Amino acid sequence: MSSGKKQTLSLSLPAEMIDWLNSSAKSQSLPSSDKAARCCINCVALGDVVMIESRDSIERFDYRAVNIELAPEQIKWVDSICAKTEGSSQSQVVRSVIKSCMNAEADVV
């Protein structure tokens, strides 16, 4: 996916996913957790990682508001998945993407 001017998405993610993004960014020498999220979206969008649907109850996790910068093409992809899945939100799609990457082989993500 192209790396056009980034746009900010405000999302609700479980603390464990935010921690995983931070840890992945650090272990892979990425500049930020935003870059780790963009890598995850690319892996799923390009078919390198199969998306796992995340429909966990909001009460089960410590959710936090987070702003993530994505390329316009990535936002379009997230929105296209929202349009295909009734009742889903950008946050739910990104949670599914991150969950998928958390469960994938490290050398794939």
C-alpha atoms as a PDB file:
ATOM      1  CA  MET A   1       0.000   0.000   0.000  1.00  0.00           C
ATOM      2  CA  SER A   2       1.157   3.495  -0.806  1.00  0.00           C
ATOM      3  CA  SER A   3       2.568   5.762   1.845  1.00  0.00           C
ATOM      4  CA  GLY A   4       0.656   8.983   1.070  1.00  0.00           C
ATOM      5  CA  LYS A   5       0.083  11.704   3.632  1.00  0.00           C
ATOM      6  CA  LYS A   6      -1.032  10.019   6.853  1.00  0.00           C
ATOM      7  CA  GLN A   7      -4.424  10.621   8.411  1.00  0.00           C
ATOM      8  CA  THR A   8      -5.298  10.041  12.052  1.00  0.00           C
ATOM      9  CA  LEU A   9      -7.913   7.521  13.142  1.00  0.00           C
ATOM     10  CA  SER A  10      -9.241   7.642  16.705  1.00  0.00           C
ATOM     11  CA  LEU A  11      -9.745   4.065  17.846  1.00  0.00           C
ATOM     12  CA  SER A  12     -10.598   2.084  20.948  1.00  0.00           C
ATOM     13  CA  LEU A  13      -8.117  -0.736  21.551  1.00  0.00           C
ATOM     14  CA  PRO A  14      -7.472  -3.072  24.462  1.00  0.00           C
ATOM     15  CA  ALA A  15      -4.422  -2.117  26.508  1.00  0.00           C
ATOM     16  CA  GLU A  16      -2.817  -5.472  25.649  1.00  0.00           C
ATOM     17  CA  MET A  17      -2.956  -4.611  21.922  1.00  0.00           C
ATOM     18  CA  ILE A  18      -1.460  -1.178  22.514  1.00  0.00           C
ATOM     19  CA  ASP A  19       1.309  -2.827  24.556  1.00  0.00           C
ATOM     20  CA  TRP A  20       1.883  -5.381  21.761  1.00  0.00           C
ATOM     21  CA  LEU A  21       2.143  -2.611  19.144  1.00  0.00           C
ATOM     22  CA  ASN A  22       4.637  -0.716  21.335  1.00  0.00           C
ATOM     23  CA  SER A  23       6.671  -3.853  21.981  1.00  0.00           C
ATOM     24  CA  SER A  24       6.626  -4.851  18.295  1.00  0.00           C
ATOM     25  CA  ALA A  25       7.744  -1.388  17.238  1.00  0.00           C
ATOM     26  CA  LYS A  26      10.636  -1.573  19.677  1.00  0.00           C
ATOM     27  CA  SER A  27      11.701  -5.142  18.826  1.00  0.00           C
ATOM     28  CA  GLN A  28      11.543  -4.458  15.062  1.00  0.00           C
ATOM     29  CA  SER A  29      13.253  -1.041  15.352  1.00  0.00           C
ATOM     30  CA  LEU A  30      10.210   0.732  13.953  1.00  0.00           C
ATOM     31  CA  PRO A  31       9.827   4.467  14.599  1.00  0.00           C
ATOM     32  CA  SER A  32       6.449   4.139  16.342  1.00  0.00           C
ATOM     33  CA  SER A  33       3.544   1.910  17.290  1.00  0.00           C
ATOM     34  CA  ASP A  34       1.645   3.603  14.422  1.00  0.00           C
ATOM     35  CA  LYS A  35       4.147   2.045  12.006  1.00  0.00           C
ATOM     36  CA  ALA A  36       3.584  -1.348  13.639  1.00  0.00           C
ATOM     37  CA  ALA A  37      -0.181  -0.925  13.125  1.00  0.00           C
ATOM     38  CA  ARG A  38       0.369   0.059   9.483  1.00  0.00           C
ATOM     39  CA  CYS A  39       2.522  -3.041   8.968  1.00  0.00           C
ATOM     40  CA  CYS A  40      -0.237  -5.217  10.446  1.00  0.00           C
ATOM     41  CA  ILE A  41      -2.859  -3.676   8.181  1.00  0.00           C
ATOM     42  CA  ASN A  42      -0.626  -4.251   5.154  1.00  0.00           C
ATOM     43  CA  CYS A  43      -0.009  -7.892   6.122  1.00  0.00           C
ATOM     44  CA  VAL A  44      -3.725  -8.597   6.397  1.00  0.00           C
ATOM     45  CA  ALA A  45      -4.786  -6.480   3.403  1.00  0.00           C
ATOM     46  CA  LEU A  46      -2.199  -8.176   1.168  1.00  0.00           C
ATOM     47  CA  GLY A  47      -3.178 -11.656   2.379  1.00  0.00           C
ATOM     48  CA  ASP A  48       0.051 -12.526   4.201  1.00  0.00           C
ATOM     49  CA  VAL A  49      -1.929 -12.934   7.443  1.00  0.00           C
ATOM     50  CA  VAL A  50      -5.512 -14.240   7.602  1.00  0.00           C
ATOM     51  CA  MET A  51      -7.806 -11.907   9.522  1.00  0.00           C
ATOM     52  CA  ILE A  52      -9.361 -13.286  12.695  1.00  0.00           C
ATOM     53  CA  GLU A  53     -12.669 -11.660  13.537  1.00  0.00           C
ATOM     54  CA  SER A  54     -12.536  -9.951  16.923  1.00  0.00           C
ATOM     55  CA  ARG A  55     -15.973  -9.539  18.436  1.00  0.00           C
ATOM     56  CA  ASP A  56     -14.925  -9.621  22.077  1.00  0.00           C
ATOM     57  CA  SER A  57     -17.214  -8.003  24.584  1.00  0.00           C
ATOM     58  CA  ILE A  58     -16.021  -4.526  25.510  1.00  0.00           C
ATOM     59  CA  GLU A  59     -16.291  -5.365  29.217  1.00  0.00           C
ATOM     60  CA  ARG A  60     -13.629  -8.088  28.925  1.00  0.00           C
ATOM     61  CA  PHE A  61     -10.755  -5.698  28.299  1.00  0.00           C
ATOM     62  CA  ASP A  62      -9.237  -2.486  29.529  1.00  0.00           C
ATOM     63  CA  TYR A  63      -9.958  -0.408  26.417  1.00  0.00           C
ATOM     64  CA  ARG A  64      -8.107   2.811  25.732  1.00  0.00           C
ATOM     65  CA  ALA A  65      -8.595   5.576  23.201  1.00  0.00           C
ATOM     66  CA  VAL A  66      -5.646   5.801  20.844  1.00  0.00           C
ATOM     67  CA  ASN A  67      -4.870   7.828  17.739  1.00  0.00           C
ATOM     68  CA  ILE A  68      -3.144   5.943  14.937  1.00  0.00           C
ATOM     69  CA  GLU A  69      -1.825   7.488  11.742  1.00  0.00           C
ATOM     70  CA  LEU A  70      -2.659   5.503   8.615  1.00  0.00           C
ATOM     71  CA  ALA A  71      -2.196   6.082   4.906  1.00  0.00           C
ATOM     72  CA  PRO A  72      -5.385   7.040   3.045  1.00  0.00           C
ATOM     73  CA  GLU A  73      -5.351   3.670   1.220  1.00  0.00           C
ATOM     74  CA  GLN A  74      -5.229   1.855   4.550  1.00  0.00           C
ATOM     75  CA  ILE A  75      -8.208   3.835   5.847  1.00  0.00           C
ATOM     76  CA  LYS A  76     -10.095   3.005   2.634  1.00  0.00           C
ATOM     77  CA  TRP A  77      -9.289  -0.685   3.178  1.00  0.00           C
ATOM     78  CA  VAL A  78     -10.472  -0.544   6.821  1.00  0.00           C
ATOM     79  CA  ASP A  79     -13.661   1.206   5.690  1.00  0.00           C
ATOM     80  CA  SER A  80     -14.224  -1.417   2.966  1.00  0.00           C
ATOM     81  CA  ILE A  81     -14.091  -4.169   5.595  1.00  0.00           C
ATOM     82  CA  CYS A  82     -16.531  -2.173   7.761  1.00  0.00           C
ATOM     83  CA  ALA A  83     -18.910  -1.940   4.802  1.00  0.00           C
ATOM     84  CA  LYS A  84     -18.792  -5.731   4.288  1.00  0.00           C
ATOM     85  CA  THR A  85     -19.389  -6.557   7.955  1.00  0.00           C
ATOM     86  CA  GLU A  86     -22.700  -5.351   9.318  1.00  0.00           C
ATOM     87  CA  GLY A  87     -22.419  -3.379  12.545  1.00  0.00           C
ATOM     88  CA  SER A  88     -18.628  -3.203  12.527  1.00  0.00           C
ATOM     89  CA  SER A  89     -16.559  -0.118  13.252  1.00  0.00           C
ATOM     90  CA  GLN A  90     -13.061   1.015  12.347  1.00  0.00           C
ATOM     91  CA  SER A  91     -11.992   0.075  15.878  1.00  0.00           C
ATOM     92  CA  GLN A  92     -13.364  -3.462  15.500  1.00  0.00           C
ATOM     93  CA  VAL A  93     -11.647  -3.954  12.155  1.00  0.00           C
ATOM     94  CA  VAL A  94      -8.299  -2.703  13.457  1.00  0.00           C
ATOM     95  CA  ARG A  95      -8.683  -4.891  16.587  1.00  0.00           C
ATOM     96  CA  SER A  96      -9.253  -7.908  14.297  1.00  0.00           C
ATOM     97  CA  VAL A  97      -6.182  -6.987  12.252  1.00  0.00           C
ATOM     98  CA  ILE A  98      -3.964  -6.597  15.312  1.00  0.00           C
ATOM     99  CA  LYS A  99      -5.309  -9.794  16.897  1.00  0.00           C
ATOM    100  CA  SER A 100      -4.492 -11.618  13.660  1.00  0.00           C
ATOM    101  CA  CYS A 101      -0.939 -10.301  13.674  1.00  0.00           C
ATOM    102  CA  MET A 102      -0.514 -11.117  17.358  1.00  0.00           C
ATOM    103  CA  ASN A 103      -1.403 -14.741  16.524  1.00  0.00           C
ATOM    104  CA  ALA A 104       0.683 -14.956  13.328  1.00  0.00           C
ATOM    105  CA  GLU A 105       4.218 -16.236  13.013  1.00  0.00           C
ATOM    106  CA  ALA A 106       6.661 -13.457  13.921  1.00  0.00           C
ATOM    107  CA  ASP A 107       8.601 -13.778  10.664  1.00  0.00           C
ATOM    108  CA  VAL A 108       5.408 -13.162   8.621  1.00  0.00           C
ATOM    109  CA  VAL A 109       4.402  -9.910  10.290  1.00  0.00           C
END
